[in-house]
Amino acid sequence: MPFKKGQSGNVAGRKLGSCNHTTSEIRSAVQRLMEDELPRLQRDLAKLPADERARILGSLMNYVLPKLSHTDATVRTLPTPIIYEKVDGTKVTLDAKESNDTAP
């Protein structure tokens, strides 16, 4: 009797997103290889010109650091003026127009 789509005979099967055994072994082997090669890689990088070394290190960072996402910010006008006192004792009033001079 065949299984229905989306169902299997093992309800307690592997968790979603978990790696299979072979993938885990390959990742461990690659990690050991990189750890063993790290001193040689550092020596080789030190011999390169600065611009090439920076290019290579920049491309390697993609595998180590998470990518940053773009964030939009909106500037709101002040509902009431802000009054502050300078060190010399004079008072300055900042109204909504002055506080939002960089807004489009």
PDB file of N, CA and C in Angstrom:
ATOM      1  N   MET A   1       0.854  -1.169   0.000  1.00  0.00           N
ATOM      2  CA  MET A   1       0.000   0.000   0.000  1.00  0.00           C
ATOM      3  C   MET A   1       0.901   1.234   0.000  1.00  0.00           C
ATOM      4  N   PRO A   2       0.845   2.103  -1.018  1.00  0.00           N
ATOM      5  CA  PRO A   2       1.713   3.284  -1.089  1.00  0.00           C
ATOM      6  C   PRO A   2       1.278   4.354  -0.091  1.00  0.00           C
ATOM      7  N   PHE A   3       2.258   5.171   0.283  1.00  0.00           N
ATOM      8  CA  PHE A   3       1.968   6.275   1.203  1.00  0.00           C
ATOM      9  C   PHE A   3       1.270   7.404   0.464  1.00  0.00           C
ATOM     10  N   LYS A   4       0.482   8.174   1.202  1.00  0.00           N
ATOM     11  CA  LYS A   4      -0.141   9.371   0.635  1.00  0.00           C
ATOM     12  C   LYS A   4       0.891  10.494   0.628  1.00  0.00           C
ATOM     13  N   LYS A   5       0.711  11.466  -0.277  1.00  0.00           N
ATOM     14  CA  LYS A   5       1.642  12.567  -0.395  1.00  0.00           C
ATOM     15  C   LYS A   5       1.735  13.318   0.936  1.00  0.00           C
ATOM     16  N   GLY A   6       2.965  13.585   1.406  1.00  0.00           N
ATOM     17  CA  GLY A   6       3.185  14.301   2.658  1.00  0.00           C
ATOM     18  C   GLY A   6       3.171  13.414   3.886  1.00  0.00           C
ATOM     19  N   GLN A   7       2.978  12.115   3.709  1.00  0.00           N
ATOM     20  CA  GLN A   7       2.961  11.202   4.844  1.00  0.00           C
ATOM     21  C   GLN A   7       4.022  10.131   4.641  1.00  0.00           C
ATOM     22  N   SER A   8       4.508   9.605   5.744  1.00  0.00           N
ATOM     23  CA  SER A   8       5.456   8.500   5.648  1.00  0.00           C
ATOM     24  C   SER A   8       5.075   7.450   6.677  1.00  0.00           C
ATOM     25  N   GLY A   9       5.742   6.347   6.632  1.00  0.00           N
ATOM     26  CA  GLY A   9       5.456   5.284   7.580  1.00  0.00           C
ATOM     27  C   GLY A   9       6.093   5.520   8.932  1.00  0.00           C
ATOM     28  N   ASN A  10       6.979   6.541   9.043  1.00  0.00           N
ATOM     29  CA  ASN A  10       7.663   6.808  10.307  1.00  0.00           C
ATOM     30  C   ASN A  10       7.252   8.188  10.813  1.00  0.00           C
ATOM     31  N   VAL A  11       6.258   8.229  11.677  1.00  0.00           N
ATOM     32  CA  VAL A  11       5.771   9.512  12.187  1.00  0.00           C
ATOM     33  C   VAL A  11       6.777  10.203  13.082  1.00  0.00           C
ATOM     34  N   ALA A  12       7.680   9.467  13.694  1.00  0.00           N
ATOM     35  CA  ALA A  12       8.705  10.055  14.557  1.00  0.00           C
ATOM     36  C   ALA A  12      10.016  10.181  13.788  1.00  0.00           C
ATOM     37  N   GLY A  13       9.954  10.423  12.484  1.00  0.00           N
ATOM     38  CA  GLY A  13      11.145  10.494  11.632  1.00  0.00           C
ATOM     39  C   GLY A  13      12.034  11.677  11.942  1.00  0.00           C
ATOM     40  N   ARG A  14      12.990  11.873  11.059  1.00  0.00           N
ATOM     41  CA  ARG A  14      13.973  12.929  11.246  1.00  0.00           C
ATOM     42  C   ARG A  14      13.288  14.289  11.307  1.00  0.00           C
ATOM     43  N   LYS A  15      13.794  15.151  12.196  1.00  0.00           N
ATOM     44  CA  LYS A  15      13.251  16.503  12.361  1.00  0.00           C
ATOM     45  C   LYS A  15      13.518  17.329  11.111  1.00  0.00           C
ATOM     46  N   LEU A  16      12.624  18.247  10.814  1.00  0.00           N
ATOM     47  CA  LEU A  16      12.742  19.112   9.665  1.00  0.00           C
ATOM     48  C   LEU A  16      14.015  19.968   9.774  1.00  0.00           C
ATOM     49  N   GLY A  17      14.820  20.000   8.730  1.00  0.00           N
ATOM     50  CA  GLY A  17      16.038  20.807   8.702  1.00  0.00           C
ATOM     51  C   GLY A  17      17.266  20.124   9.272  1.00  0.00           C
ATOM     52  N   SER A  18      17.118  18.923   9.812  1.00  0.00           N
ATOM     53  CA  SER A  18      18.289  18.244  10.367  1.00  0.00           C
ATOM     54  C   SER A  18      19.116  17.630   9.242  1.00  0.00           C
ATOM     55  N   CYS A  19      20.433  17.556   9.468  1.00  0.00           N
ATOM     56  CA  CYS A  19      21.352  17.022   8.452  1.00  0.00           C
ATOM     57  C   CYS A  19      21.368  15.501   8.524  1.00  0.00           C
ATOM     58  N   ASN A  20      21.606  14.898   7.373  1.00  0.00           N
ATOM     59  CA  ASN A  20      21.777  13.455   7.420  1.00  0.00           C
ATOM     60  C   ASN A  20      23.199  13.132   7.874  1.00  0.00           C
ATOM     61  N   HIS A  21      23.465  11.882   8.117  1.00  0.00           N
ATOM     62  CA  HIS A  21      24.745  11.456   8.693  1.00  0.00           C
ATOM     63  C   HIS A  21      25.923  11.815   7.782  1.00  0.00           C
ATOM     64  N   THR A  22      25.776  11.616   6.485  1.00  0.00           N
ATOM     65  CA  THR A  22      26.862  11.900   5.543  1.00  0.00           C
ATOM     66  C   THR A  22      27.197  13.383   5.531  1.00  0.00           C
ATOM     67  N   THR A  23      26.181  14.250   5.528  1.00  0.00           N
ATOM     68  CA  THR A  23      26.418  15.688   5.534  1.00  0.00           C
ATOM     69  C   THR A  23      27.184  16.101   6.782  1.00  0.00           C
ATOM     70  N   SER A  24      26.818  15.575   7.922  1.00  0.00           N
ATOM     71  CA  SER A  24      27.518  15.890   9.173  1.00  0.00           C
ATOM     72  C   SER A  24      28.978  15.454   9.115  1.00  0.00           C
ATOM     73  N   GLU A  25      29.238  14.266   8.555  1.00  0.00           N
ATOM     74  CA  GLU A  25      30.609  13.781   8.448  1.00  0.00           C
ATOM     75  C   GLU A  25      31.438  14.669   7.519  1.00  0.00           C
ATOM     76  N   ILE A  26      30.839  15.074   6.401  1.00  0.00           N
ATOM     77  CA  ILE A  26      31.559  15.928   5.444  1.00  0.00           C
ATOM     78  C   ILE A  26      31.870  17.277   6.080  1.00  0.00           C
ATOM     79  N   ARG A  27      30.915  17.860   6.779  1.00  0.00           N
ATOM     80  CA  ARG A  27      31.163  19.149   7.438  1.00  0.00           C
ATOM     81  C   ARG A  27      32.285  19.028   8.464  1.00  0.00           C
ATOM     82  N   SER A  28      32.292  17.958   9.227  1.00  0.00           N
ATOM     83  CA  SER A  28      33.351  17.759  10.224  1.00  0.00           C
ATOM     84  C   SER A  28      34.711  17.607   9.554  1.00  0.00           C
ATOM     85  N   ALA A  29      34.755  16.857   8.444  1.00  0.00           N
ATOM     86  CA  ALA A  29      36.021  16.656   7.732  1.00  0.00           C
ATOM     87  C   ALA A  29      36.535  17.972   7.162  1.00  0.00           C
ATOM     88  N   VAL A  30      35.650  18.775   6.585  1.00  0.00           N
ATOM     89  CA  VAL A  30      36.065  20.060   6.030  1.00  0.00           C
ATOM     90  C   VAL A  30      36.541  20.989   7.146  1.00  0.00           C
ATOM     91  N   GLN A  31      35.854  20.971   8.285  1.00  0.00           N
ATOM     92  CA  GLN A  31      36.277  21.806   9.404  1.00  0.00           C
ATOM     93  C   GLN A  31      37.662  21.404   9.896  1.00  0.00           C
ATOM     94  N   ARG A  32      37.922  20.097  10.013  1.00  0.00           N
ATOM     95  CA  ARG A  32      39.257  19.633  10.434  1.00  0.00           C
ATOM     96  C   ARG A  32      40.319  20.048   9.422  1.00  0.00           C
ATOM     97  N   LEU A  33      40.000  19.923   8.131  1.00  0.00           N
ATOM     98  CA  LEU A  33      40.939  20.313   7.077  1.00  0.00           C
ATOM     99  C   LEU A  33      41.277  21.794   7.181  1.00  0.00           C
ATOM    100  N   MET A  34      40.266  22.636   7.358  1.00  0.00           N
ATOM    101  CA  MET A  34      40.493  24.081   7.465  1.00  0.00           C
ATOM    102  C   MET A  34      41.315  24.419   8.707  1.00  0.00           C
ATOM    103  N   GLU A  35      41.045  23.748   9.814  1.00  0.00           N
ATOM    104  CA  GLU A  35      41.811  23.991  11.041  1.00  0.00           C
ATOM    105  C   GLU A  35      43.274  23.598  10.848  1.00  0.00           C
ATOM    106  N   ASP A  36      43.515  22.483  10.137  1.00  0.00           N
ATOM    107  CA  ASP A  36      44.891  22.038   9.889  1.00  0.00           C
ATOM    108  C   ASP A  36      45.625  22.979   8.943  1.00  0.00           C
ATOM    109  N   GLU A  37      44.912  23.561   7.991  1.00  0.00           N
ATOM    110  CA  GLU A  37      45.519  24.429   6.979  1.00  0.00           C
ATOM    111  C   GLU A  37      45.614  25.897   7.405  1.00  0.00           C
ATOM    112  N   LEU A  38      45.011  26.254   8.518  1.00  0.00           N
ATOM    113  CA  LEU A  38      44.968  27.647   8.933  1.00  0.00           C
ATOM    114  C   LEU A  38      46.347  28.290   9.061  1.00  0.00           C
ATOM    115  N   PRO A  39      47.336  27.658   9.709  1.00  0.00           N
ATOM    116  CA  PRO A  39      48.660  28.295   9.797  1.00  0.00           C
ATOM    117  C   PRO A  39      49.281  28.549   8.410  1.00  0.00           C
ATOM    118  N   ARG A  40      49.143  27.602   7.501  1.00  0.00           N
ATOM    119  CA  ARG A  40      49.690  27.766   6.153  1.00  0.00           C
ATOM    120  C   ARG A  40      48.937  28.874   5.417  1.00  0.00           C
ATOM    121  N   LEU A  41      47.639  28.915   5.571  1.00  0.00           N
ATOM    122  CA  LEU A  41      46.831  29.950   4.931  1.00  0.00           C
ATOM    123  C   LEU A  41      47.240  31.337   5.430  1.00  0.00           C
ATOM    124  N   GLN A  42      47.484  31.467   6.728  1.00  0.00           N
ATOM    125  CA  GLN A  42      47.909  32.752   7.281  1.00  0.00           C
ATOM    126  C   GLN A  42      49.272  33.174   6.722  1.00  0.00           C
ATOM    127  N   ARG A  43      50.203  32.229   6.603  1.00  0.00           N
ATOM    128  CA  ARG A  43      51.524  32.542   6.028  1.00  0.00           C
ATOM    129  C   ARG A  43      51.387  32.973   4.573  1.00  0.00           C
ATOM    130  N   ASP A  44      50.567  32.242   3.813  1.00  0.00           N
ATOM    131  CA  ASP A  44      50.392  32.564   2.390  1.00  0.00           C
ATOM    132  C   ASP A  44      49.716  33.919   2.204  1.00  0.00           C
ATOM    133  N   LEU A  45      48.732  34.221   3.028  1.00  0.00           N
ATOM    134  CA  LEU A  45      48.058  35.519   2.935  1.00  0.00           C
ATOM    135  C   LEU A  45      49.014  36.662   3.258  1.00  0.00           C
ATOM    136  N   ALA A  46      49.888  36.442   4.210  1.00  0.00           N
ATOM    137  CA  ALA A  46      50.840  37.498   4.597  1.00  0.00           C
ATOM    138  C   ALA A  46      51.791  37.840   3.451  1.00  0.00           C
ATOM    139  N   LYS A  47      52.025  36.909   2.538  1.00  0.00           N
ATOM    140  CA  LYS A  47      52.928  37.145   1.411  1.00  0.00           C
ATOM    141  C   LYS A  47      52.264  37.924   0.282  1.00  0.00           C
ATOM    142  N   LEU A  48      50.953  38.011   0.288  1.00  0.00           N
ATOM    143  CA  LEU A  48      50.228  38.682  -0.796  1.00  0.00           C
ATOM    144  C   LEU A  48      50.246  40.198  -0.636  1.00  0.00           C
ATOM    145  N   PRO A  49      50.096  40.928  -1.747  1.00  0.00           N
ATOM    146  CA  PRO A  49      49.940  42.388  -1.643  1.00  0.00           C
ATOM    147  C   PRO A  49      48.666  42.725  -0.868  1.00  0.00           C
ATOM    148  N   ALA A  50      48.657  43.898  -0.244  1.00  0.00           N
ATOM    149  CA  ALA A  50      47.547  44.283   0.638  1.00  0.00           C
ATOM    150  C   ALA A  50      46.198  44.263  -0.063  1.00  0.00           C
ATOM    151  N   ASP A  51      46.125  44.743  -1.316  1.00  0.00           N
ATOM    152  CA  ASP A  51      44.832  44.790  -2.000  1.00  0.00           C
ATOM    153  C   ASP A  51      44.293  43.396  -2.295  1.00  0.00           C
ATOM    154  N   GLU A  52      45.168  42.471  -2.669  1.00  0.00           N
ATOM    155  CA  GLU A  52      44.724  41.103  -2.947  1.00  0.00           C
ATOM    156  C   GLU A  52      44.334  40.384  -1.658  1.00  0.00           C
ATOM    157  N   ARG A  53      45.109  40.629  -0.598  1.00  0.00           N
ATOM    158  CA  ARG A  53      44.802  40.031   0.704  1.00  0.00           C
ATOM    159  C   ARG A  53      43.443  40.510   1.196  1.00  0.00           C
ATOM    160  N   ALA A  54      43.154  41.813   1.040  1.00  0.00           N
ATOM    161  CA  ALA A  54      41.864  42.362   1.467  1.00  0.00           C
ATOM    162  C   ALA A  54      40.718  41.753   0.656  1.00  0.00           C
ATOM    163  N   ARG A  55      40.930  41.557  -0.648  1.00  0.00           N
ATOM    164  CA  ARG A  55      39.892  40.967  -1.504  1.00  0.00           C
ATOM    165  C   ARG A  55      39.577  39.540  -1.064  1.00  0.00           C
ATOM    166  N   ILE A  56      40.611  38.754  -0.791  1.00  0.00           N
ATOM    167  CA  ILE A  56      40.414  37.364  -0.383  1.00  0.00           C
ATOM    168  C   ILE A  56      39.740  37.292   0.982  1.00  0.00           C
ATOM    169  N   LEU A  57      40.218  38.097   1.933  1.00  0.00           N
ATOM    170  CA  LEU A  57      39.606  38.089   3.263  1.00  0.00           C
ATOM    171  C   LEU A  57      38.149  38.535   3.202  1.00  0.00           C
ATOM    172  N   GLY A  58      37.851  39.516   2.352  1.00  0.00           N
ATOM    173  CA  GLY A  58      36.472  39.965   2.193  1.00  0.00           C
ATOM    174  C   GLY A  58      35.570  38.868   1.674  1.00  0.00           C
ATOM    175  N   SER A  59      36.070  38.077   0.710  1.00  0.00           N
ATOM    176  CA  SER A  59      35.243  36.991   0.176  1.00  0.00           C
ATOM    177  C   SER A  59      35.085  35.864   1.195  1.00  0.00           C
ATOM    178  N   LEU A  60      36.095  35.632   2.033  1.00  0.00           N
ATOM    179  CA  LEU A  60      35.980  34.594   3.058  1.00  0.00           C
ATOM    180  C   LEU A  60      35.007  34.984   4.166  1.00  0.00           C
ATOM    181  N   MET A  61      34.864  36.279   4.401  1.00  0.00           N
ATOM    182  CA  MET A  61      33.945  36.729   5.451  1.00  0.00           C
ATOM    183  C   MET A  61      32.495  36.353   5.160  1.00  0.00           C
ATOM    184  N   ASN A  62      32.165  36.179   3.886  1.00  0.00           N
ATOM    185  CA  ASN A  62      30.804  35.770   3.535  1.00  0.00           C
ATOM    186  C   ASN A  62      30.431  34.425   4.141  1.00  0.00           C
ATOM    187  N   TYR A  63      31.437  33.617   4.460  1.00  0.00           N
ATOM    188  CA  TYR A  63      31.176  32.300   5.032  1.00  0.00           C
ATOM    189  C   TYR A  63      31.184  32.316   6.559  1.00  0.00           C
ATOM    190  N   VAL A  64      31.553  33.444   7.149  1.00  0.00           N
ATOM    191  CA  VAL A  64      31.688  33.515   8.602  1.00  0.00           C
ATOM    192  C   VAL A  64      30.662  34.459   9.223  1.00  0.00           C
ATOM    193  N   LEU A  65      30.514  35.641   8.615  1.00  0.00           N
ATOM    194  CA  LEU A  65      29.628  36.656   9.176  1.00  0.00           C
ATOM    195  C   LEU A  65      28.268  36.627   8.502  1.00  0.00           C
ATOM    196  N   PRO A  66      27.192  36.862   9.268  1.00  0.00           N
ATOM    197  CA  PRO A  66      25.866  36.916   8.648  1.00  0.00           C
ATOM    198  C   PRO A  66      25.737  38.171   7.795  1.00  0.00           C
ATOM    199  N   LYS A  67      24.925  38.093   6.767  1.00  0.00           N
ATOM    200  CA  LYS A  67      24.695  39.251   5.910  1.00  0.00           C
ATOM    201  C   LYS A  67      23.775  40.227   6.626  1.00  0.00           C
ATOM    202  N   LEU A  68      24.053  41.513   6.477  1.00  0.00           N
ATOM    203  CA  LEU A  68      23.229  42.544   7.086  1.00  0.00           C
ATOM    204  C   LEU A  68      22.074  42.880   6.159  1.00  0.00           C
ATOM    205  N   SER A  69      20.944  43.195   6.743  1.00  0.00           N
ATOM    206  CA  SER A  69      19.798  43.568   5.922  1.00  0.00           C
ATOM    207  C   SER A  69      19.633  45.084   5.933  1.00  0.00           C
ATOM    208  N   HIS A  70      19.010  45.588   4.883  1.00  0.00           N
ATOM    209  CA  HIS A  70      18.786  47.016   4.735  1.00  0.00           C
ATOM    210  C   HIS A  70      17.610  47.439   5.615  1.00  0.00           C
ATOM    211  N   THR A  71      17.740  48.572   6.288  1.00  0.00           N
ATOM    212  CA  THR A  71      16.678  49.087   7.134  1.00  0.00           C
ATOM    213  C   THR A  71      16.353  50.503   6.718  1.00  0.00           C
ATOM    214  N   ASP A  72      15.073  50.778   6.524  1.00  0.00           N
ATOM    215  CA  ASP A  72      14.628  52.130   6.196  1.00  0.00           C
ATOM    216  C   ASP A  72      14.222  52.846   7.478  1.00  0.00           C
ATOM    217  N   ALA A  73      14.514  54.124   7.537  1.00  0.00           N
ATOM    218  CA  ALA A  73      14.128  54.926   8.693  1.00  0.00           C
ATOM    219  C   ALA A  73      13.342  56.131   8.209  1.00  0.00           C
ATOM    220  N   THR A  74      12.345  56.508   8.973  1.00  0.00           N
ATOM    221  CA  THR A  74      11.584  57.707   8.635  1.00  0.00           C
ATOM    222  C   THR A  74      11.794  58.734   9.743  1.00  0.00           C
ATOM    223  N   VAL A  75      11.837  59.991   9.358  1.00  0.00           N
ATOM    224  CA  VAL A  75      12.035  61.077  10.310  1.00  0.00           C
ATOM    225  C   VAL A  75      10.698  61.768  10.522  1.00  0.00           C
ATOM    226  N   ARG A  76      10.320  61.894  11.762  1.00  0.00           N
ATOM    227  CA  ARG A  76       9.058  62.566  12.081  1.00  0.00           C
ATOM    228  C   ARG A  76       9.341  63.969  12.583  1.00  0.00           C
ATOM    229  N   THR A  77       8.385  64.852  12.390  1.00  0.00           N
ATOM    230  CA  THR A  77       8.537  66.211  12.908  1.00  0.00           C
ATOM    231  C   THR A  77       8.205  66.228  14.391  1.00  0.00           C
ATOM    232  N   LEU A  78       8.780  67.195  15.072  1.00  0.00           N
ATOM    233  CA  LEU A  78       8.519  67.336  16.499  1.00  0.00           C
ATOM    234  C   LEU A  78       7.139  67.962  16.710  1.00  0.00           C
ATOM    235  N   PRO A  79       6.356  67.418  17.607  1.00  0.00           N
ATOM    236  CA  PRO A  79       5.034  67.990  17.845  1.00  0.00           C
ATOM    237  C   PRO A  79       5.103  69.341  18.553  1.00  0.00           C
ATOM    238  N   THR A  80       6.091  69.525  19.389  1.00  0.00           N
ATOM    239  CA  THR A  80       6.253  70.788  20.119  1.00  0.00           C
ATOM    240  C   THR A  80       7.712  71.211  20.045  1.00  0.00           C
ATOM    241  N   PRO A  81       7.982  72.488  20.198  1.00  0.00           N
ATOM    242  CA  PRO A  81       9.379  72.944  20.155  1.00  0.00           C
ATOM    243  C   PRO A  81      10.184  72.386  21.327  1.00  0.00           C
ATOM    244  N   ILE A  82      11.479  72.220  21.096  1.00  0.00           N
ATOM    245  CA  ILE A  82      12.389  71.790  22.157  1.00  0.00           C
ATOM    246  C   ILE A  82      13.194  73.022  22.575  1.00  0.00           C
ATOM    247  N   ILE A  83      13.251  73.241  23.867  1.00  0.00           N
ATOM    248  CA  ILE A  83      14.011  74.368  24.406  1.00  0.00           C
ATOM    249  C   ILE A  83      15.150  73.798  25.239  1.00  0.00           C
ATOM    250  N   TYR A  84      16.364  74.205  24.909  1.00  0.00           N
ATOM    251  CA  TYR A  84      17.504  73.751  25.695  1.00  0.00           C
ATOM    252  C   TYR A  84      18.402  74.941  26.009  1.00  0.00           C
ATOM    253  N   GLU A  85      19.203  74.762  27.062  1.00  0.00           N
ATOM    254  CA  GLU A  85      20.069  75.847  27.518  1.00  0.00           C
ATOM    255  C   GLU A  85      21.516  75.517  27.211  1.00  0.00           C
ATOM    256  N   LYS A  86      22.209  76.467  26.565  1.00  0.00           N
ATOM    257  CA  LYS A  86      23.617  76.278  26.239  1.00  0.00           C
ATOM    258  C   LYS A  86      24.464  76.446  27.492  1.00  0.00           C
ATOM    259  N   VAL A  87      25.723  76.089  27.378  1.00  0.00           N
ATOM    260  CA  VAL A  87      26.659  76.208  28.501  1.00  0.00           C
ATOM    261  C   VAL A  87      26.790  77.656  28.940  1.00  0.00           C
ATOM    262  N   ASP A  88      26.720  78.603  27.994  1.00  0.00           N
ATOM    263  CA  ASP A  88      26.874  80.019  28.342  1.00  0.00           C
ATOM    264  C   ASP A  88      25.604  80.611  28.962  1.00  0.00           C
ATOM    265  N   GLY A  89      24.545  79.793  29.125  1.00  0.00           N
ATOM    266  CA  GLY A  89      23.327  80.249  29.784  1.00  0.00           C
ATOM    267  C   GLY A  89      22.228  80.703  28.847  1.00  0.00           C
ATOM    268  N   THR A  90      22.514  80.852  27.553  1.00  0.00           N
ATOM    269  CA  THR A  90      21.465  81.283  26.623  1.00  0.00           C
ATOM    270  C   THR A  90      20.541  80.113  26.301  1.00  0.00           C
ATOM    271  N   LYS A  91      19.275  80.445  26.088  1.00  0.00           N
ATOM    272  CA  LYS A  91      18.294  79.414  25.761  1.00  0.00           C
ATOM    273  C   LYS A  91      18.068  79.393  24.253  1.00  0.00           C
ATOM    274  N   VAL A  92      17.940  78.188  23.710  1.00  0.00           N
ATOM    275  CA  VAL A  92      17.723  77.992  22.280  1.00  0.00           C
ATOM    276  C   VAL A  92      16.441  77.189  22.096  1.00  0.00           C
ATOM    277  N   THR A  93      15.608  77.624  21.152  1.00  0.00           N
ATOM    278  CA  THR A  93      14.372  76.905  20.845  1.00  0.00           C
ATOM    279  C   THR A  93      14.514  76.238  19.484  1.00  0.00           C
ATOM    280  N   LEU A  94      14.217  74.965  19.435  1.00  0.00           N
ATOM    281  CA  LEU A  94      14.271  74.204  18.201  1.00  0.00           C
ATOM    282  C   LEU A  94      12.839  73.828  17.848  1.00  0.00           C
ATOM    283  N   ASP A  95      12.327  74.394  16.750  1.00  0.00           N
ATOM    284  CA  ASP A  95      10.951  74.064  16.385  1.00  0.00           C
ATOM    285  C   ASP A  95      10.936  72.951  15.343  1.00  0.00           C
ATOM    286  N   ALA A  96       9.750  72.543  14.916  1.00  0.00           N
ATOM    287  CA  ALA A  96       9.590  71.398  14.013  1.00  0.00           C
ATOM    288  C   ALA A  96      10.306  71.610  12.704  1.00  0.00           C
ATOM    289  N   LYS A  97      10.294  72.808  12.117  1.00  0.00           N
ATOM    290  CA  LYS A  97      10.962  73.056  10.840  1.00  0.00           C
ATOM    291  C   LYS A  97      12.460  72.858  10.957  1.00  0.00           C
ATOM    292  N   GLU A  98      13.075  73.386  11.998  1.00  0.00           N
ATOM    293  CA  GLU A  98      14.522  73.298  12.169  1.00  0.00           C
ATOM    294  C   GLU A  98      14.977  71.892  12.444  1.00  0.00           C
ATOM    295  N   SER A  99      14.148  71.095  13.132  1.00  0.00           N
ATOM    296  CA  SER A  99      14.565  69.745  13.521  1.00  0.00           C
ATOM    297  C   SER A  99      14.467  68.780  12.353  1.00  0.00           C
ATOM    298  N   ASN A 100      13.763  69.166  11.298  1.00  0.00           N
ATOM    299  CA  ASN A 100      13.527  68.227  10.222  1.00  0.00           C
ATOM    300  C   ASN A 100      14.138  68.710   8.914  1.00  0.00           C
ATOM    301  N   ASP A 101      15.268  69.420   8.985  1.00  0.00           N
ATOM    302  CA  ASP A 101      15.843  70.024   7.800  1.00  0.00           C
ATOM    303  C   ASP A 101      16.453  69.020   6.836  1.00  0.00           C
ATOM    304  N   THR A 102      16.698  67.766   7.256  1.00  0.00           N
ATOM    305  CA  THR A 102      17.247  66.768   6.353  1.00  0.00           C
ATOM    306  C   THR A 102      16.169  65.907   5.708  1.00  0.00           C
ATOM    307  N   ALA A 103      14.916  66.086   6.112  1.00  0.00           N
ATOM    308  CA  ALA A 103      13.841  65.271   5.545  1.00  0.00           C
ATOM    309  C   ALA A 103      13.491  65.784   4.151  1.00  0.00           C
ATOM    310  N   PRO A 104      12.998  64.916   3.268  1.00  0.00           N
ATOM    311  CA  PRO A 104      12.650  65.350   1.917  1.00  0.00           C
ATOM    312  C   PRO A 104      11.471  66.293   1.887  1.00  0.00           C
TER     313      PRO A 104
END
